[in-house]
Protein backbone atom coordinates (compact mmCIF):
# COMPACT_ATOMS: atom_id res chain seq x y z
CA MET A 1 -69.35 -88.44 34.86
CA LYS A 2 -65.93 -88.39 32.64
CA LEU A 3 -64.82 -85.18 31.22
CA LYS A 4 -65.58 -86.87 27.61
CA HIS A 5 -69.49 -87.81 28.61
CA LYS A 6 -69.81 -83.78 29.53
CA ILE A 7 -68.09 -82.55 26.49
CA HIS A 8 -70.71 -84.82 24.48
CA LEU A 9 -73.54 -84.21 26.59
CA SER A 10 -72.87 -80.38 26.78
CA SER A 11 -71.59 -80.16 23.20
CA THR A 12 -74.80 -81.85 21.87
CA LEU A 13 -77.64 -80.19 24.19
CA LEU A 14 -75.89 -76.99 23.19
CA MET A 15 -76.03 -77.38 19.38
CA PHE A 16 -79.76 -78.91 19.99
CA PHE A 17 -80.94 -75.44 21.72
CA VAL A 18 -79.21 -73.12 19.14
CA LEU A 19 -80.79 -75.30 15.94
CA LEU A 20 -84.52 -75.48 18.36
CA ILE A 21 -84.30 -71.29 18.85
CA LEU A 22 -83.25 -71.30 14.60
CA ALA A 23 -86.31 -73.11 14.00
CA VAL A 24 -88.36 -71.35 16.12
CA VAL A 25 -87.30 -67.80 14.53
CA ILE A 26 -87.37 -69.06 10.92
CA TYR A 27 -90.74 -70.49 11.56
CA TYR A 28 -92.59 -67.42 13.33
CA SER A 29 -91.00 -65.05 11.10
CA PHE A 30 -92.36 -66.96 7.78
CA SER A 31 -95.28 -67.42 9.28
CA ASN A 32 -95.47 -63.74 10.09
CA LEU A 33 -94.80 -62.51 6.73
CA ALA A 34 -97.48 -65.34 5.17
CA TYR A 35 -100.20 -63.59 7.02
CA GLU A 36 -99.21 -59.73 6.37
CA THR A 37 -98.49 -60.98 2.37
CA GLU A 38 -102.12 -62.13 2.67
CA VAL A 39 -103.55 -59.24 4.60
CA GLU A 40 -101.74 -56.81 2.15
CA ARG A 41 -103.34 -58.85 -0.91
CA LEU A 42 -106.79 -58.21 0.65
CA GLU A 43 -106.37 -54.80 1.58
CA ALA A 44 -105.29 -54.58 -2.25
CA GLU A 45 -108.52 -56.28 -3.45
CA VAL A 46 -110.79 -54.89 -0.73
CA GLY A 47 -109.98 -51.42 -2.22
CA VAL A 48 -110.75 -52.05 -5.71
CA MET A 49 -113.74 -53.72 -4.57
CA VAL A 50 -114.73 -50.13 -2.49
CA ALA A 51 -113.39 -48.33 -5.60
CA THR A 52 -116.22 -50.00 -7.80
CA PHE A 53 -118.83 -50.08 -5.49
CA ASN A 54 -118.70 -46.26 -4.88
CA ALA A 55 -118.17 -45.48 -8.78
CA ASN A 56 -121.61 -47.84 -9.90
CA SER A 57 -124.13 -45.26 -10.94
CA SER A 58 -126.69 -47.98 -12.43
CA GLU A 59 -129.30 -49.64 -10.99
CA GLU A 60 -127.77 -52.57 -10.07
CA THR A 61 -128.13 -54.17 -6.19
CA PRO A 62 -125.14 -53.68 -3.72
CA ASP A 63 -125.22 -57.38 -2.84
CA ASN A 64 -124.81 -58.09 -6.28
CA ILE A 65 -122.29 -55.59 -6.92
CA LEU A 66 -120.35 -56.50 -3.42
CA ARG A 67 -121.07 -60.60 -4.72
CA ALA A 68 -118.69 -60.13 -7.70
CA TYR A 69 -115.83 -59.30 -5.13
CA VAL A 70 -116.82 -62.25 -2.71
CA PRO A 71 -113.23 -63.96 -1.84
CA VAL A 72 -113.56 -67.93 -2.80
CA ASP A 73 -113.65 -69.43 0.44
CA GLY A 74 -114.27 -66.28 2.31
CA LEU A 75 -117.12 -63.56 3.15
CA ILE A 76 -118.20 -60.39 3.15
CA LYS A 77 -120.38 -58.64 6.02
CA GLU A 78 -122.26 -55.72 5.57
CA LYS A 79 -122.76 -54.03 8.71
CA ASN A 80 -125.05 -50.70 9.18
CA ARG A 81 -123.34 -48.57 12.10
CA SER A 82 -127.27 -47.73 13.27
CA SER A 83 -129.30 -50.73 12.74
CA GLY A 84 -126.75 -53.18 13.12
CA LEU A 85 -125.80 -56.34 10.33
CA LEU A 86 -127.73 -56.22 7.31
CA ASN A 87 -126.46 -59.53 4.87
CA THR A 88 -123.71 -61.96 5.06
CA ILE A 89 -122.50 -63.08 1.39
CA ILE A 90 -120.72 -66.14 0.71
CA GLN A 91 -119.60 -67.49 -2.67
CA ASP A 92 -118.86 -70.77 -1.03
CA PRO A 93 -121.13 -72.80 0.88
CA SER A 94 -118.53 -74.41 2.74
CA VAL A 95 -117.71 -71.72 4.21
CA SER A 96 -119.47 -71.52 7.56
CA VAL A 97 -118.26 -69.89 10.37
CA GLU A 98 -119.22 -67.20 12.67
CA PHE A 99 -117.45 -64.58 11.91
CA PRO A 100 -117.56 -62.02 14.34
CA ASN A 101 -119.42 -58.57 13.87
CA ASP A 102 -116.74 -56.70 15.48
CA VAL A 103 -112.98 -56.34 15.26
CA ALA A 104 -110.17 -54.48 16.87
CA ASP A 105 -108.37 -52.93 13.96
CA THR A 106 -109.04 -52.03 10.33
CA SER A 107 -107.15 -55.24 8.50
CA GLY A 108 -105.13 -57.85 10.50
CA HIS A 109 -105.92 -61.62 10.69
CA MET A 110 -107.46 -63.78 13.64
CA ALA A 111 -108.12 -67.29 14.07
CA VAL A 112 -112.05 -67.94 14.06
CA GLU A 113 -112.89 -71.27 15.11
CA GLY A 114 -109.98 -73.23 14.91
CA GLU A 115 -109.38 -71.57 11.20
CA GLN A 116 -107.01 -68.52 10.51
CA PHE A 117 -108.84 -65.46 8.88
CA ALA A 118 -107.14 -62.50 7.00
CA TYR A 119 -109.55 -60.00 7.52
CA VAL A 120 -110.23 -56.10 5.99
CA THR A 121 -112.70 -53.14 7.40
CA ALA A 122 -113.68 -50.49 4.86
CA PRO A 123 -116.94 -48.35 5.13
CA VAL A 124 -119.27 -47.42 2.04
CA ILE A 125 -121.92 -45.19 0.95
CA TRP A 126 -125.45 -47.17 0.37
CA PRO A 127 -127.75 -46.24 -2.22
CA GLY A 128 -129.90 -44.90 0.38
CA GLY A 129 -127.18 -42.31 1.61
CA GLU A 130 -126.30 -44.03 4.92
CA VAL A 131 -122.58 -45.27 5.41
CA VAL A 132 -122.44 -49.10 5.80
CA GLU A 133 -119.48 -51.12 6.98
CA LEU A 134 -118.05 -54.11 5.14
CA ILE A 135 -115.93 -56.65 6.73
CA VAL A 136 -114.07 -59.06 3.85
CA ALA A 137 -112.60 -62.29 5.45
CA GLN A 138 -110.71 -64.41 3.76
CA SER A 139 -109.90 -68.18 4.84
CA LEU A 140 -106.14 -68.41 5.47
CA ARG A 141 -106.31 -72.46 4.88
CA GLU A 142 -103.15 -72.77 2.06
CA VAL A 143 -101.14 -70.73 3.89
CA THR A 144 -101.81 -72.41 7.34
CA ALA A 145 -100.80 -75.61 5.47
CA ASN A 146 -97.62 -74.18 3.97
CA LEU A 147 -96.80 -73.59 7.28
CA ALA A 148 -97.47 -77.16 8.62
CA THR A 149 -95.26 -78.25 5.79
CA LEU A 150 -92.75 -75.79 6.44
CA ARG A 151 -93.00 -76.84 10.65
CA LEU A 152 -92.54 -80.47 9.98
CA VAL A 153 -89.63 -79.62 7.64
CA LEU A 154 -87.63 -77.60 10.15
CA ILE A 155 -88.47 -80.38 12.93
CA SER A 156 -87.29 -82.93 10.61
CA VAL A 157 -83.79 -81.28 9.79
CA THR A 158 -83.35 -80.39 13.04
CA LEU A 159 -83.62 -84.07 14.24
CA LEU A 160 -81.78 -84.97 11.05
CA SER A 161 -79.09 -82.78 12.08
CA MET A 162 -78.70 -84.32 15.74
CA ILE A 163 -77.54 -87.30 13.85
CA PRO A 164 -73.84 -85.91 12.70
CA ILE A 165 -73.60 -83.80 15.87
CA PHE A 166 -73.68 -86.37 17.92
CA LEU A 167 -71.42 -88.48 16.58
CA SER A 168 -69.03 -85.29 15.99
CA SER A 169 -69.38 -84.47 19.93
CA ALA A 170 -68.54 -88.08 20.78
CA LEU A 171 -65.30 -88.09 18.44
CA LEU A 172 -64.72 -83.92 19.58
CA GLY A 173 -64.90 -85.71 23.66
CA ARG A 174 -62.57 -88.21 22.81
CA VAL A 175 -59.86 -86.18 20.59
CA LEU A 176 -59.94 -83.89 23.69
CA THR A 177 -59.43 -86.12 26.37
CA ARG A 178 -56.91 -88.80 24.83
CA PRO A 179 -54.12 -86.44 25.32
CA ILE A 180 -55.65 -85.63 28.86
CA GLU A 181 -56.27 -90.26 29.26
CA GLY A 182 -52.40 -90.27 28.10
CA LEU A 183 -51.02 -87.63 30.93
CA THR A 184 -53.09 -89.54 33.52
CA GLY A 185 -51.89 -93.02 32.62
CA THR A 186 -48.15 -91.73 32.43
CA MET A 187 -48.55 -89.89 35.67
CA ARG A 188 -49.74 -93.27 37.00
CA ARG A 189 -46.46 -95.23 35.93
CA ILE A 190 -44.62 -92.49 36.90
CA GLN A 191 -45.74 -93.32 40.39
CA ARG A 192 -46.03 -97.12 40.22
CA ASP A 193 -42.84 -97.66 38.55
CA GLY A 194 -40.95 -94.36 40.05
CA SER A 195 -39.67 -94.02 36.16
CA PHE A 196 -39.81 -90.81 34.39
CA GLU A 197 -41.76 -91.23 31.13
CA LYS A 198 -42.34 -88.47 28.74
CA LEU A 199 -45.59 -88.30 26.75
CA PRO A 200 -45.12 -88.97 22.61
CA VAL A 201 -45.89 -85.78 20.98
CA ALA A 202 -46.64 -86.11 16.95
CA GLY A 203 -46.09 -83.48 14.97
CA GLU A 204 -46.07 -79.44 15.05
CA SER A 205 -49.31 -78.68 16.25
CA ARG A 206 -49.25 -75.13 18.72
CA ASP A 207 -52.87 -75.92 20.20
CA GLU A 208 -53.19 -75.79 23.87
CA LEU A 209 -53.21 -79.65 24.30
CA SER A 210 -49.95 -80.47 22.51
CA GLN A 211 -48.48 -77.21 24.48
CA MET A 212 -49.53 -79.69 27.22
CA GLY A 213 -48.01 -82.44 26.72
CA VAL A 214 -45.00 -80.81 25.75
CA THR A 215 -44.89 -78.38 28.84
CA PHE A 216 -45.22 -82.00 30.96
CA ASN A 217 -42.32 -83.41 29.19
CA GLU A 218 -40.45 -80.44 30.03
CA MET A 219 -41.27 -80.74 33.45
CA ILE A 220 -39.97 -84.26 33.67
CA GLY A 221 -36.87 -83.36 31.95
CA LEU A 222 -36.87 -81.08 34.91
CA LEU A 223 -37.56 -83.22 37.48
CA GLU A 224 -35.54 -86.32 36.34
CA GLU A 225 -32.50 -83.77 36.20
CA ASN A 226 -32.97 -82.62 39.25
CA TYR A 227 -33.55 -86.51 40.79
CA ARG A 228 -29.91 -87.21 38.78
CA LYS A 229 -28.65 -83.89 40.60
CA GLN A 230 -29.50 -84.73 44.11
CA GLU A 231 -28.44 -87.80 43.56
CA GLU A 232 -24.96 -86.94 42.83
CA PHE A 233 -25.16 -84.59 45.33
CA VAL A 234 -25.78 -86.83 48.02
CA SER A 235 -22.88 -89.05 46.44
CA ASN A 236 -20.44 -86.66 46.53
CA ALA A 237 -21.52 -85.21 49.90
CA SER A 238 -21.34 -88.74 51.09
CA HIS A 239 -17.57 -88.64 49.71
CA GLU A 240 -16.43 -85.94 50.98
CA LEU A 241 -17.76 -86.70 54.66
CA LYS A 242 -16.19 -90.21 54.03
CA THR A 243 -12.61 -89.13 53.52
CA PRO A 244 -12.37 -87.02 57.01
CA LEU A 245 -13.87 -89.18 59.20
CA THR A 246 -11.96 -92.24 57.52
CA VAL A 247 -9.15 -89.66 58.73
CA ILE A 248 -10.41 -89.25 61.57
CA SER A 249 -11.20 -93.17 62.42
CA SER A 250 -7.60 -93.95 61.56
CA TYR A 251 -5.86 -91.52 63.91
CA ALA A 252 -8.21 -92.61 66.57
CA ASP A 253 -7.29 -96.25 66.32
CA LEU A 254 -3.75 -95.11 66.12
CA LEU A 255 -4.01 -92.70 69.37
CA GLN A 256 -5.50 -95.71 70.78
CA ARG A 257 -2.36 -97.94 70.07
CA ARG A 258 0.44 -96.02 70.80
CA GLY A 259 -0.30 -92.86 71.30
CA ALA A 260 0.47 -92.85 75.00
CA GLN A 261 3.74 -93.28 74.31
CA ASP A 262 4.50 -91.17 71.74
CA PRO A 263 3.58 -87.58 72.17
CA ALA A 264 4.87 -86.53 68.75
CA LEU A 265 2.48 -89.30 67.49
CA GLN A 266 -0.39 -88.09 69.66
CA ASP A 267 0.05 -84.28 68.69
CA GLU A 268 0.25 -85.45 64.94
CA ALA A 269 -2.70 -86.99 65.32
CA LEU A 270 -4.83 -84.28 67.18
CA THR A 271 -3.45 -81.34 64.44
CA ALA A 272 -4.93 -84.14 61.53
CA ILE A 273 -8.19 -84.95 63.89
CA ARG A 274 -8.51 -81.21 64.75
CA ALA A 275 -8.07 -80.45 60.90
CA GLU A 276 -10.52 -83.04 59.49
CA THR A 277 -13.61 -81.78 62.01
CA GLU A 278 -13.11 -78.46 60.53
CA ARG A 279 -13.73 -79.40 56.89
CA MET A 280 -16.22 -81.00 58.02
CA ARG A 281 -17.73 -78.35 60.03
CA GLN A 282 -17.28 -76.12 57.20
CA LEU A 283 -19.21 -78.61 54.76
CA ILE A 284 -21.93 -79.47 56.81
CA GLU A 285 -22.33 -75.26 57.21
CA GLN A 286 -22.15 -75.25 53.61
CA LEU A 287 -24.62 -77.81 53.22
CA LEU A 288 -27.28 -76.63 55.48
CA HIS A 289 -26.86 -72.86 53.85
CA ILE A 290 -27.94 -74.09 50.37
CA ALA A 291 -30.45 -76.37 52.06
CA ARG A 292 -32.17 -72.71 53.50
CA ARG A 293 -31.71 -71.36 50.30
CA SER A 294 -35.38 -71.95 49.35
CA GLN A 295 -36.86 -70.82 52.73
CA ALA A 296 -34.49 -67.08 52.45
CA GLN A 297 -37.11 -64.23 52.60
CA MET A 298 -35.46 -61.15 50.48
CA ASP A 299 -35.74 -57.80 51.75
CA TRP A 300 -35.71 -55.88 48.87
CA GLN A 301 -34.63 -52.40 48.73
CA LYS A 302 -33.17 -49.53 46.69
CA THR A 303 -29.33 -49.06 47.67
CA ASP A 304 -26.53 -47.11 46.59
CA LEU A 305 -23.67 -49.91 45.98
CA GLU A 306 -20.80 -47.79 46.58
CA PRO A 307 -20.96 -48.05 50.41
CA VAL A 308 -21.79 -51.66 50.49
CA LEU A 309 -19.03 -52.39 48.20
CA ARG A 310 -16.52 -50.19 50.52
CA GLN A 311 -17.61 -52.23 53.50
CA VAL A 312 -17.03 -55.55 51.72
CA MET A 313 -13.45 -54.87 50.76
CA THR A 314 -12.42 -53.23 54.03
CA ALA A 315 -13.47 -56.46 55.90
CA MET A 316 -11.58 -58.27 53.36
CA ASN A 317 -8.54 -56.26 54.18
CA ALA A 318 -8.65 -56.72 57.53
CA SER A 319 -9.49 -60.49 56.97
CA TYR A 320 -6.60 -61.36 55.08
CA ASP A 321 -3.16 -60.62 54.18
CA ARG A 322 -4.22 -59.57 50.32
CA GLU A 323 -4.96 -56.44 49.27
CA PHE A 324 -8.24 -55.70 47.51
CA ARG A 325 -8.47 -53.07 45.56
CA LEU A 326 -11.73 -50.64 44.75
CA GLN A 327 -13.02 -48.86 41.65
CA SER A 328 -16.23 -47.92 41.53
CA GLU A 329 -19.10 -45.02 40.07
CA GLN A 330 -21.33 -43.00 42.37
CA PRO A 331 -24.04 -43.42 42.81
CA LEU A 332 -24.85 -46.73 41.57
CA ILE A 333 -28.56 -47.20 42.74
CA VAL A 334 -29.93 -50.52 42.32
CA GLU A 335 -32.85 -52.64 43.65
CA THR A 336 -31.27 -55.57 45.78
CA ASP A 337 -31.17 -57.51 49.37
CA VAL A 338 -28.06 -56.22 50.77
CA GLN A 339 -27.34 -59.19 52.89
CA GLN A 340 -27.59 -61.76 50.24
CA LEU A 341 -25.72 -59.27 47.83
CA LYS A 342 -22.75 -59.04 50.18
CA GLN A 343 -22.43 -62.55 51.05
CA LEU A 344 -22.62 -63.46 47.55
CA LEU A 345 -19.33 -60.66 47.01
CA TYR A 346 -17.38 -62.19 50.09
CA ILE A 347 -18.02 -66.09 48.22
CA LEU A 348 -16.73 -64.44 44.97
CA LEU A 349 -14.11 -62.63 46.60
CA ASP A 350 -13.15 -65.39 48.98
CA ASN A 351 -12.84 -67.77 45.78
CA ALA A 352 -11.04 -65.35 44.04
CA ARG A 353 -8.52 -65.29 46.69
CA LYS A 354 -7.87 -68.98 47.20
CA TYR A 355 -6.70 -69.60 43.85
CA SER A 356 -4.50 -66.14 43.50
CA GLU A 357 -1.54 -64.73 45.22
CA ASP A 358 -1.64 -61.41 43.87
CA SER A 359 -4.04 -58.47 44.29
CA ILE A 360 -8.02 -58.70 43.31
CA ASP A 361 -9.60 -56.26 42.02
CA LEU A 362 -13.56 -55.30 42.22
CA GLU A 363 -15.26 -52.54 39.82
CA ALA A 364 -18.44 -51.20 39.74
CA GLY A 365 -20.30 -49.69 37.06
CA THR A 366 -22.81 -48.92 34.38
CA ASP A 367 -23.21 -50.05 30.56
CA GLY A 368 -26.39 -50.47 29.63
CA ALA A 369 -27.36 -51.95 32.93
CA VAL A 370 -25.29 -52.02 36.55
CA TYR A 371 -22.19 -54.37 36.87
CA ILE A 372 -19.46 -55.62 39.28
CA LYS A 373 -16.64 -57.27 38.03
CA ILE A 374 -14.21 -59.50 40.24
CA ARG A 375 -11.12 -59.85 38.88
CA ASP A 376 -8.03 -62.20 39.67
CA TYR A 377 -4.98 -62.59 38.65
CA GLY A 378 -4.50 -66.49 39.11
CA VAL A 379 -4.31 -69.31 37.32
CA GLY A 380 -7.28 -68.84 35.67
CA ILE A 381 -9.95 -71.73 34.54
CA PRO A 382 -9.26 -74.18 31.42
CA LYS A 383 -11.97 -73.36 28.75
CA GLU A 384 -13.49 -76.81 28.60
CA SER A 385 -14.27 -76.68 32.49
CA LEU A 386 -16.17 -73.56 32.77
CA PRO A 387 -19.25 -74.55 31.71
CA HIS A 388 -19.36 -76.81 35.12
CA VAL A 389 -17.25 -74.66 37.84
CA PHE A 390 -21.36 -73.49 38.97
CA GLU A 391 -21.90 -77.30 39.45
CA ARG A 392 -22.15 -78.70 43.10
CA PHE A 393 -18.86 -80.71 44.05
CA TYR A 394 -17.34 -79.42 40.90
CA ARG A 395 -13.83 -79.10 41.37
CA VAL A 396 -11.10 -78.11 38.11
CA ASP A 397 -7.82 -79.13 40.16
CA LYS A 398 -9.15 -82.02 42.64
CA ALA A 399 -5.74 -81.83 44.08
CA ARG A 400 -5.29 -78.40 44.08
CA SER A 401 -8.87 -77.73 45.66
CA ARG A 402 -8.29 -79.44 48.55
CA GLU A 403 -4.84 -77.84 49.61
CA THR A 404 -6.74 -74.98 49.43
CA GLY A 405 -10.10 -75.99 51.29
CA GLY A 406 -12.56 -75.98 49.02
CA PHE A 407 -15.38 -78.42 48.53
CA GLY A 408 -17.01 -77.14 45.41
CA LEU A 409 -19.64 -75.50 46.87
CA GLY A 410 -19.12 -71.98 47.11
CA LEU A 411 -19.67 -71.07 43.08
CA SER A 412 -22.65 -73.19 43.24
CA LEU A 413 -23.78 -71.15 46.17
CA ALA A 414 -23.02 -67.92 44.57
CA LYS A 415 -25.17 -69.06 41.62
CA GLU A 416 -28.20 -69.72 43.56
CA LEU A 417 -27.81 -66.43 45.55
CA ALA A 418 -27.58 -64.48 41.91
CA ASP A 419 -30.63 -66.60 40.69
CA SER A 420 -32.46 -65.12 43.69
CA LEU A 421 -31.24 -61.99 43.53
CA HIS A 422 -32.57 -61.62 39.67
CA LEU A 423 -28.67 -61.49 38.99
CA ARG A 424 -26.70 -63.15 35.99
CA LEU A 425 -22.70 -64.50 36.33
CA GLU A 426 -20.43 -64.25 33.70
CA ILE A 427 -17.45 -65.55 34.18
CA ASP A 428 -14.37 -65.34 31.73
CA SER A 429 -10.67 -66.81 32.47
CA ILE A 430 -7.50 -67.71 31.12
CA GLU A 431 -4.89 -69.67 32.22
CA GLN A 432 -2.16 -68.45 34.38
CA LEU A 433 -3.54 -64.96 33.34
CA GLY A 434 -6.84 -64.52 35.47
CA THR A 435 -10.34 -64.77 36.07
CA THR A 436 -12.78 -62.25 35.88
CA VAL A 437 -16.62 -62.84 37.06
CA THR A 438 -19.37 -60.20 36.50
CA ILE A 439 -22.12 -59.63 38.29
CA VAL A 440 -24.72 -58.44 35.88
CA PHE A 441 -28.17 -56.54 37.69
CA SER A 442 -31.08 -56.70 35.86
CA GLU A 443 -31.41 -54.15 32.50
CA ASN A 444 -34.76 -52.46 32.87
CA PHE A 445 -34.05 -51.46 36.75
CA ASN A 446 -33.66 -47.49 35.79
CA VAL A 447 -30.56 -46.18 37.32
CA GLY A 448 -30.85 -42.62 35.75
CA GLU A 449 -34.56 -42.01 37.25
CA LEU A 450 -32.97 -43.04 40.85
CA GLN A 451 -29.83 -41.27 40.48
CA SER A 452 -32.23 -37.87 39.57
CA GLY A 453 -33.93 -38.77 42.09
CA GLN A 454 -32.07 -38.95 44.45
CA GLU A 455 -30.16 -35.76 43.89
CA GLY A 456 -33.54 -33.88 44.00
């Protein structure tokens, strides 16, 4: 069964049961009120009758006195507690029911031969001094007829109300499922055609269905952007691999033709082939590392940054003929994956080394949040290139990057590492003065509490 039919059926049945319960409650509440009102009225009449009967001092017979108070469509029964029934007084001969001689309560209503009667019992003193119990009963035909009319009205109103409910629930089902049907159709077209199609979202509605359409469009936009970047990535990777392969192939052909007769040419070719092979190895390692990022498992732990930074700076000073200087507060406690953080620092420091001939400064401290600044004094980055430096294969100066062995993957990998560590990367640069890359840790990390806990 389709969703719109389920909505239609369930909402219709639900409203039907609500109206049915409401009609039943109204009917029984009104019927009880009507019956109780008639019983109370009869009690008042019987009270007047008993007072009149007990105050009678004339020679008039008791039956004549009681006959004046017999209900038009009812009866009075005189019941002697010792000798039994004395008499039944009926004013209207059409009232021919056999009303019971014994009733459970002093007043109430009951069904006798299919007809409702209100009754009241009252004791009186007979002229002979004996106590006689009177049972006064009155037919509730009018009340029963009114209740039948009410019953018919409630049934009619319930059935008539179901017509607009039926139509509105059908409309509701269509309104609720139209965006879903549109989403399903769009997904089928995307699956069939391989295109990135978005849902038409009209108006500025903030309901869940509109939010579903907006979210779907945002997801499609991200998928389209990722697909475009993937194509660009494959194209750029192919281009980067094609260049060293072309060089290797050309030198191999040259060696095959003339290498045996010319030792200098042989050395030149082997050197070029080895250099291009190393470039290919570095490129493939970087590509594989990027591919493995989605499978990396993070080992989160509370760590003091200062010893970690000193280890990184010691390794960089030992590996390169360059001065790496560290300035750090103590202690700086953060929660991070130490190995992943070290890799991020190595990438950024190596990138700073490649594009600067001067010393490299690393500063760590707190300013609302823990930060690490890596500052070089190289050629800097043009302002228009700053928004693109974290894109894969983007190089500010392609010729100069090729000289340094860069592929435009280092900062892209650094950005992915920072995202996985929940860090923010900020980059500032002035041409010919240098570049500063800032690593900002999450601001909701309470450094003070950790410091005090460590000191304690």
